[in-house]
Protein backbone atom coordinates (compact mmCIF):
# COMPACT_ATOMS: atom_id res chain seq x y z
CA GLN A 1 21.45 -11.92 21.33
CA VAL A 2 22.13 -12.18 17.33
CA GLN A 3 25.95 -12.22 16.55
CA LEU A 4 26.79 -10.46 13.33
CA VAL A 5 29.76 -9.91 11.08
CA GLU A 6 29.73 -7.59 7.79
CA SER A 7 32.21 -8.01 4.93
CA GLY A 8 32.74 -6.22 0.91
CA GLY A 9 33.59 -3.33 1.78
CA GLY A 10 36.13 -1.32 0.27
CA LEU A 11 36.64 2.15 -1.95
CA VAL A 12 35.41 2.39 -5.11
CA GLN A 13 35.28 4.95 -7.45
CA ALA A 14 31.32 6.53 -8.50
CA GLY A 15 29.02 4.60 -10.64
CA GLY A 16 31.05 1.54 -9.69
CA SER A 17 28.99 -1.54 -7.29
CA LEU A 18 29.84 -3.33 -3.60
CA ARG A 19 28.12 -6.03 -2.64
CA LEU A 20 28.33 -6.31 1.63
CA SER A 21 27.12 -8.81 2.99
CA CYS A 22 25.79 -10.49 6.50
CA ALA A 23 26.69 -13.37 7.91
CA ALA A 24 24.01 -13.68 10.95
CA SER A 25 24.19 -16.69 14.18
CA ILE A 26 20.19 -17.36 14.31
CA ARG A 27 18.81 -19.01 16.60
CA THR A 28 17.13 -21.86 14.42
CA PHE A 29 13.38 -21.62 16.32
CA SER A 30 13.77 -17.90 16.16
CA SER A 31 12.80 -15.43 13.21
CA TYR A 32 14.69 -12.37 11.81
CA ALA A 33 14.05 -9.17 10.34
CA MET A 34 17.35 -7.78 8.93
CA ALA A 35 18.49 -4.23 7.40
CA TRP A 36 21.57 -2.82 6.84
CA PHE A 37 22.42 1.04 7.88
CA ARG A 38 24.81 3.63 7.63
CA GLN A 39 26.98 5.90 9.10
CA ALA A 40 28.85 8.74 7.63
CA PRO A 41 31.30 10.71 9.80
CA GLY A 42 29.34 13.58 11.99
CA LEU A 43 26.52 11.95 11.03
CA GLU A 44 23.35 10.33 13.09
CA ARG A 45 23.51 7.02 11.58
CA GLU A 46 20.61 6.42 9.32
CA PHE A 47 18.45 3.51 7.88
CA VAL A 48 19.18 2.25 4.03
CA ALA A 49 17.05 -0.76 3.57
CA GLY A 50 16.41 -3.88 5.03
CA THR A 51 14.22 -6.77 4.49
CA SER A 52 12.15 -9.36 6.81
CA TRP A 53 12.63 -13.24 7.81
CA HIS A 54 11.10 -14.89 4.25
CA GLY A 55 12.17 -11.71 2.49
CA GLY A 56 8.64 -10.99 1.44
CA SER A 57 9.07 -7.80 1.95
CA THR A 58 11.30 -5.31 1.74
CA ASN A 59 12.28 -1.15 2.67
CA TYR A 60 14.49 0.74 1.35
CA ALA A 61 15.76 4.14 1.78
CA ASP A 62 14.47 6.78 -0.87
CA PHE A 63 18.26 8.23 -1.77
CA VAL A 64 18.76 4.63 -2.79
CA LYS A 65 15.75 2.98 -4.38
CA GLY A 66 17.30 1.75 -7.75
CA ARG A 67 20.51 1.80 -7.05
CA PHE A 68 20.39 -1.09 -4.12
CA THR A 69 19.39 -4.41 -3.12
CA VAL A 70 18.73 -6.60 -0.57
CA SER A 71 18.25 -9.89 -0.31
CA ARG A 72 18.75 -12.49 2.24
CA GLY A 73 20.12 -16.43 1.46
CA ASN A 74 18.29 -19.71 0.77
CA ALA A 75 19.64 -20.56 4.51
CA ARG A 76 18.32 -17.54 6.66
CA ASN A 77 20.92 -16.41 8.24
CA THR A 78 22.99 -14.12 5.40
CA VAL A 79 21.82 -11.16 4.57
CA TYR A 80 23.62 -8.90 1.10
CA LEU A 81 23.48 -5.35 0.27
CA GLN A 82 24.04 -5.46 -3.53
CA MET A 83 25.56 -1.43 -4.38
CA ASN A 84 25.18 -0.27 -7.75
CA ASN A 85 26.33 3.38 -9.58
CA LEU A 86 27.95 4.13 -6.11
CA LYS A 87 27.62 8.02 -5.27
CA PRO A 88 30.52 9.82 -3.36
CA GLU A 89 28.00 10.29 -0.42
CA ASP A 90 27.46 6.93 0.22
CA THR A 91 30.67 7.12 1.70
CA ALA A 92 30.28 5.62 5.23
CA VAL A 93 30.43 2.69 7.66
CA TYR A 94 27.24 0.28 6.56
CA TYR A 95 26.02 -1.82 9.45
CA CYS A 96 23.89 -5.07 9.61
CA ALA A 97 21.30 -5.18 11.99
CA ALA A 98 18.54 -7.73 13.25
CA ALA A 99 15.70 -7.15 14.86
CA GLN A 100 13.07 -10.35 16.54
CA ILE A 101 10.11 -10.24 15.78
CA SER A 102 7.41 -12.98 15.35
CA GLY A 103 6.15 -12.68 11.35
CA ASP A 104 7.32 -12.22 8.32
CA TYR A 105 7.05 -7.91 7.94
CA PHE A 106 9.86 -5.64 8.55
CA PRO A 107 9.64 -4.05 11.47
CA SER A 108 10.18 -0.37 12.64
CA THR A 109 13.64 0.09 12.54
CA ARG A 110 13.14 1.71 16.63
CA ALA A 111 13.38 -2.74 17.03
CA PHE A 112 16.71 -3.42 15.22
CA SER A 113 18.58 -3.90 19.13
CA SER A 114 21.46 -6.39 17.94
CA TRP A 115 23.96 -4.46 15.65
CA GLY A 116 27.48 -6.23 12.89
CA GLN A 117 31.08 -4.28 13.74
CA GLY A 118 30.77 -1.92 10.82
CA THR A 119 32.05 -2.65 7.15
CA GLN A 120 33.65 0.46 5.46
CA VAL A 121 32.59 1.76 2.26
CA THR A 122 34.60 4.29 0.48
CA VAL A 123 33.31 6.02 -2.67
CA SER A 124 35.92 8.46 -4.64
CA SER A 125 34.57 11.38 -7.18
């Protein structure tokens, strides 16, 4: 099981930016795809963005394309979500997730089984 800790959430005005970080405790001989999901009050958790183990493959939900960028740190055990041009509808708890995989590809979102505790992002209008 991978332990994940998110940080970087907060309150920002519409049009502003935030950068979320996720630190993962990853075993040396395993590879993991990592992703960000979010859940707004009363709604189901939804996929936001993700990246493969080496970062060669990324995937984005349509509603964040052109605004959010996912990336991995050089040590592979960190993942970031740069969020620009934030909108009030982006308000949610953002979760980091990991999926153990055997190659450098981005898997189905159903493969993500390790989760962080979440970080709140609030965008005011």
